[in-house]
C-alpha atoms as a PDB file:
ATOM      1  CA  MET A   1      -0.711 -88.615 -95.747  1.00  0.00           C
ATOM      2  CA  LYS A   2      -2.583 -84.738 -96.327  1.00  0.00           C
ATOM      3  CA  LYS A   3      -3.827 -84.025 -99.634  1.00  0.00           C
ATOM      4  CA  ALA A   4      -2.512 -80.950-101.643  1.00  0.00           C
ATOM      5  CA  PRO A   5      -4.899 -78.047-101.364  1.00  0.00           C
ATOM      6  CA  ARG A   6      -7.026 -77.498-104.810  1.00  0.00           C
ATOM      7  CA  ARG A   7      -5.777 -74.791-106.462  1.00  0.00           C
ATOM      8  CA  SER A   8      -8.768 -72.832-108.659  1.00  0.00           C
ATOM      9  CA  PRO A   9      -7.663 -72.638-112.327  1.00  0.00           C
ATOM     10  CA  ALA A  10      -6.473 -69.525-113.554  1.00  0.00           C
ATOM     11  CA  LYS A  11      -9.352 -67.073-114.842  1.00  0.00           C
ATOM     12  CA  THR A  12      -9.472 -66.609-118.420  1.00  0.00           C
ATOM     13  CA  ALA A  13     -12.002 -65.012-121.014  1.00  0.00           C
ATOM     14  CA  HIS A  14     -12.482 -64.962-124.535  1.00  0.00           C
ATOM     15  CA  LEU A  15     -15.159 -63.516-126.885  1.00  0.00           C
ATOM     16  CA  LEU A  16     -16.526 -65.656-129.507  1.00  0.00           C
ATOM     17  CA  GLY A  17     -18.485 -63.716-132.424  1.00  0.00           C
ATOM     18  CA  VAL A  18     -20.714 -65.858-134.630  1.00  0.00           C
ATOM     19  CA  GLY A  19     -21.970 -64.803-137.776  1.00  0.00           C
ATOM     20  CA  LEU A  20     -24.768 -66.731-139.494  1.00  0.00           C
ATOM     21  CA  ASP A  21     -25.958 -64.368-142.411  1.00  0.00           C
ATOM     22  CA  ASN A  22     -23.336 -65.835-145.126  1.00  0.00           C
ATOM     23  CA  GLN A  23     -24.360 -66.940-148.213  1.00  0.00           C
ATOM     24  CA  ASP A  24     -21.659 -66.366-150.473  1.00  0.00           C
ATOM     25  CA  GLY A  25     -19.818 -69.716-149.714  1.00  0.00           C
ATOM     26  CA  HIS A  26     -16.686 -68.168-147.983  1.00  0.00           C
ATOM     27  CA  LYS A  27     -15.547 -69.230-144.718  1.00  0.00           C
ATOM     28  CA  ARG A  28     -14.246 -66.316-142.643  1.00  0.00           C
ATOM     29  CA  LEU A  29     -12.435 -66.695-139.596  1.00  0.00           C
ATOM     30  CA  THR A  30     -10.584 -63.889-137.602  1.00  0.00           C
ATOM     31  CA  SER A  31      -8.931 -65.068-134.120  1.00  0.00           C
ATOM     32  CA  ALA A  32      -6.671 -63.388-131.796  1.00  0.00           C
ATOM     33  CA  GLU A  33      -5.576 -64.010-128.336  1.00  0.00           C
ATOM     34  CA  GLN A  34      -8.825 -63.087-126.411  1.00  0.00           C
ATOM     35  CA  PHE A  35     -11.320 -63.438-129.433  1.00  0.00           C
ATOM     36  CA  THR A  36     -12.529 -65.301-132.169  1.00  0.00           C
ATOM     37  CA  ILE A  37     -14.899 -64.309-134.887  1.00  0.00           C
ATOM     38  CA  VAL A  38     -16.222 -66.852-137.077  1.00  0.00           C
ATOM     39  CA  GLY A  39     -18.682 -67.228-140.307  1.00  0.00           C
ATOM     40  CA  GLY A  40     -20.990 -63.963-141.284  1.00  0.00           C
ATOM     41  CA  SER A  41     -21.291 -62.363-144.627  1.00  0.00           C
ATOM     42  CA  ASP A  42     -18.002 -59.930-145.882  1.00  0.00           C
ATOM     43  CA  GLU A  43     -20.046 -56.919-143.956  1.00  0.00           C
ATOM     44  CA  THR A  44     -21.230 -58.570-140.765  1.00  0.00           C
ATOM     45  CA  HIS A  45     -18.109 -60.373-140.250  1.00  0.00           C
ATOM     46  CA  GLY A  46     -16.262 -57.075-140.607  1.00  0.00           C
ATOM     47  CA  ARG A  47     -18.417 -55.347-138.122  1.00  0.00           C
ATOM     48  CA  MET A  48     -17.913 -57.811-135.569  1.00  0.00           C
ATOM     49  CA  THR A  49     -14.244 -57.550-136.049  1.00  0.00           C
ATOM     50  CA  GLU A  50     -14.546 -53.621-135.806  1.00  0.00           C
ATOM     51  CA  THR A  51     -16.708 -54.030-132.813  1.00  0.00           C
ATOM     52  CA  VAL A  52     -14.258 -56.657-130.912  1.00  0.00           C
ATOM     53  CA  ILE A  53     -10.931 -54.219-131.940  1.00  0.00           C
ATOM     54  CA  LYS A  54     -12.887 -51.282-130.389  1.00  0.00           C
ATOM     55  CA  THR A  55     -14.038 -53.159-127.016  1.00  0.00           C
ATOM     56  CA  PHE A  56     -10.361 -54.174-126.524  1.00  0.00           C
ATOM     57  CA  GLU A  57      -9.101 -50.583-127.109  1.00  0.00           C
ATOM     58  CA  GLU A  58     -11.833 -49.148-124.775  1.00  0.00           C
ATOM     59  CA  LEU A  59     -10.976 -51.981-122.107  1.00  0.00           C
ATOM     60  CA  LYS A  60      -7.211 -50.817-122.387  1.00  0.00           C
ATOM     61  CA  THR A  61      -8.166 -46.936-121.984  1.00  0.00           C
ATOM     62  CA  ARG A  62     -10.051 -48.121-118.657  1.00  0.00           C
ATOM     63  CA  GLY A  63      -7.359 -50.092-117.711  1.00  0.00           C
ATOM     64  CA  LYS A  64      -9.244 -53.468-117.013  1.00  0.00           C
ATOM     65  CA  ALA A  65      -8.844 -57.216-118.630  1.00  0.00           C
ATOM     66  CA  LEU A  66     -11.268 -59.006-120.421  1.00  0.00           C
ATOM     67  CA  LYS A  67     -10.971 -61.606-117.581  1.00  0.00           C
ATOM     68  CA  ALA A  68     -11.727 -58.571-114.994  1.00  0.00           C
ATOM     69  CA  VAL A  69     -14.695 -56.616-116.129  1.00  0.00           C
ATOM     70  CA  GLU A  70     -17.933 -57.088-115.161  1.00  0.00           C
ATOM     71  CA  PRO A  71     -20.719 -58.819-117.944  1.00  0.00           C
ATOM     72  CA  GLN A  72     -22.700 -55.757-117.674  1.00  0.00           C
ATOM     73  CA  GLU A  73     -19.863 -53.044-118.377  1.00  0.00           C
ATOM     74  CA  LEU A  74     -18.591 -55.460-121.078  1.00  0.00           C
ATOM     75  CA  ALA A  75     -22.083 -55.446-122.681  1.00  0.00           C
ATOM     76  CA  GLU A  76     -22.098 -51.260-122.562  1.00  0.00           C
ATOM     77  CA  ILE A  77     -18.657 -51.282-124.086  1.00  0.00           C
ATOM     78  CA  ILE A  78     -19.683 -53.673-126.703  1.00  0.00           C
ATOM     79  CA  HIS A  79     -22.882 -51.750-127.521  1.00  0.00           C
ATOM     80  CA  LYS A  80     -20.881 -48.418-127.472  1.00  0.00           C
ATOM     81  CA  SER A  81     -18.132 -50.080-129.668  1.00  0.00           C
ATOM     82  CA  THR A  82     -20.457 -51.518-132.352  1.00  0.00           C
ATOM     83  CA  PRO A  83     -20.372 -49.122-135.670  1.00  0.00           C
ATOM     84  CA  ARG A  84     -24.044 -47.959-136.452  1.00  0.00           C
END
């Protein structure tokens, strides 16, 4: 009996942001289909969330999916999307 050919698993991608500067005791978690932001102070968590949202807006503008973008290009988009 022949073995069925193995299918490679579907390619997925997910961004994870972790803030480590929380000192107020609040547990912050923001998640969506393709990203999760955990922890951080109120300011840090907000900045990370804004960065990720702007990153996905830029990917949409470029017509690219997270799972298809090259790591270097993603790094440049994230850097550009980070609030100053």
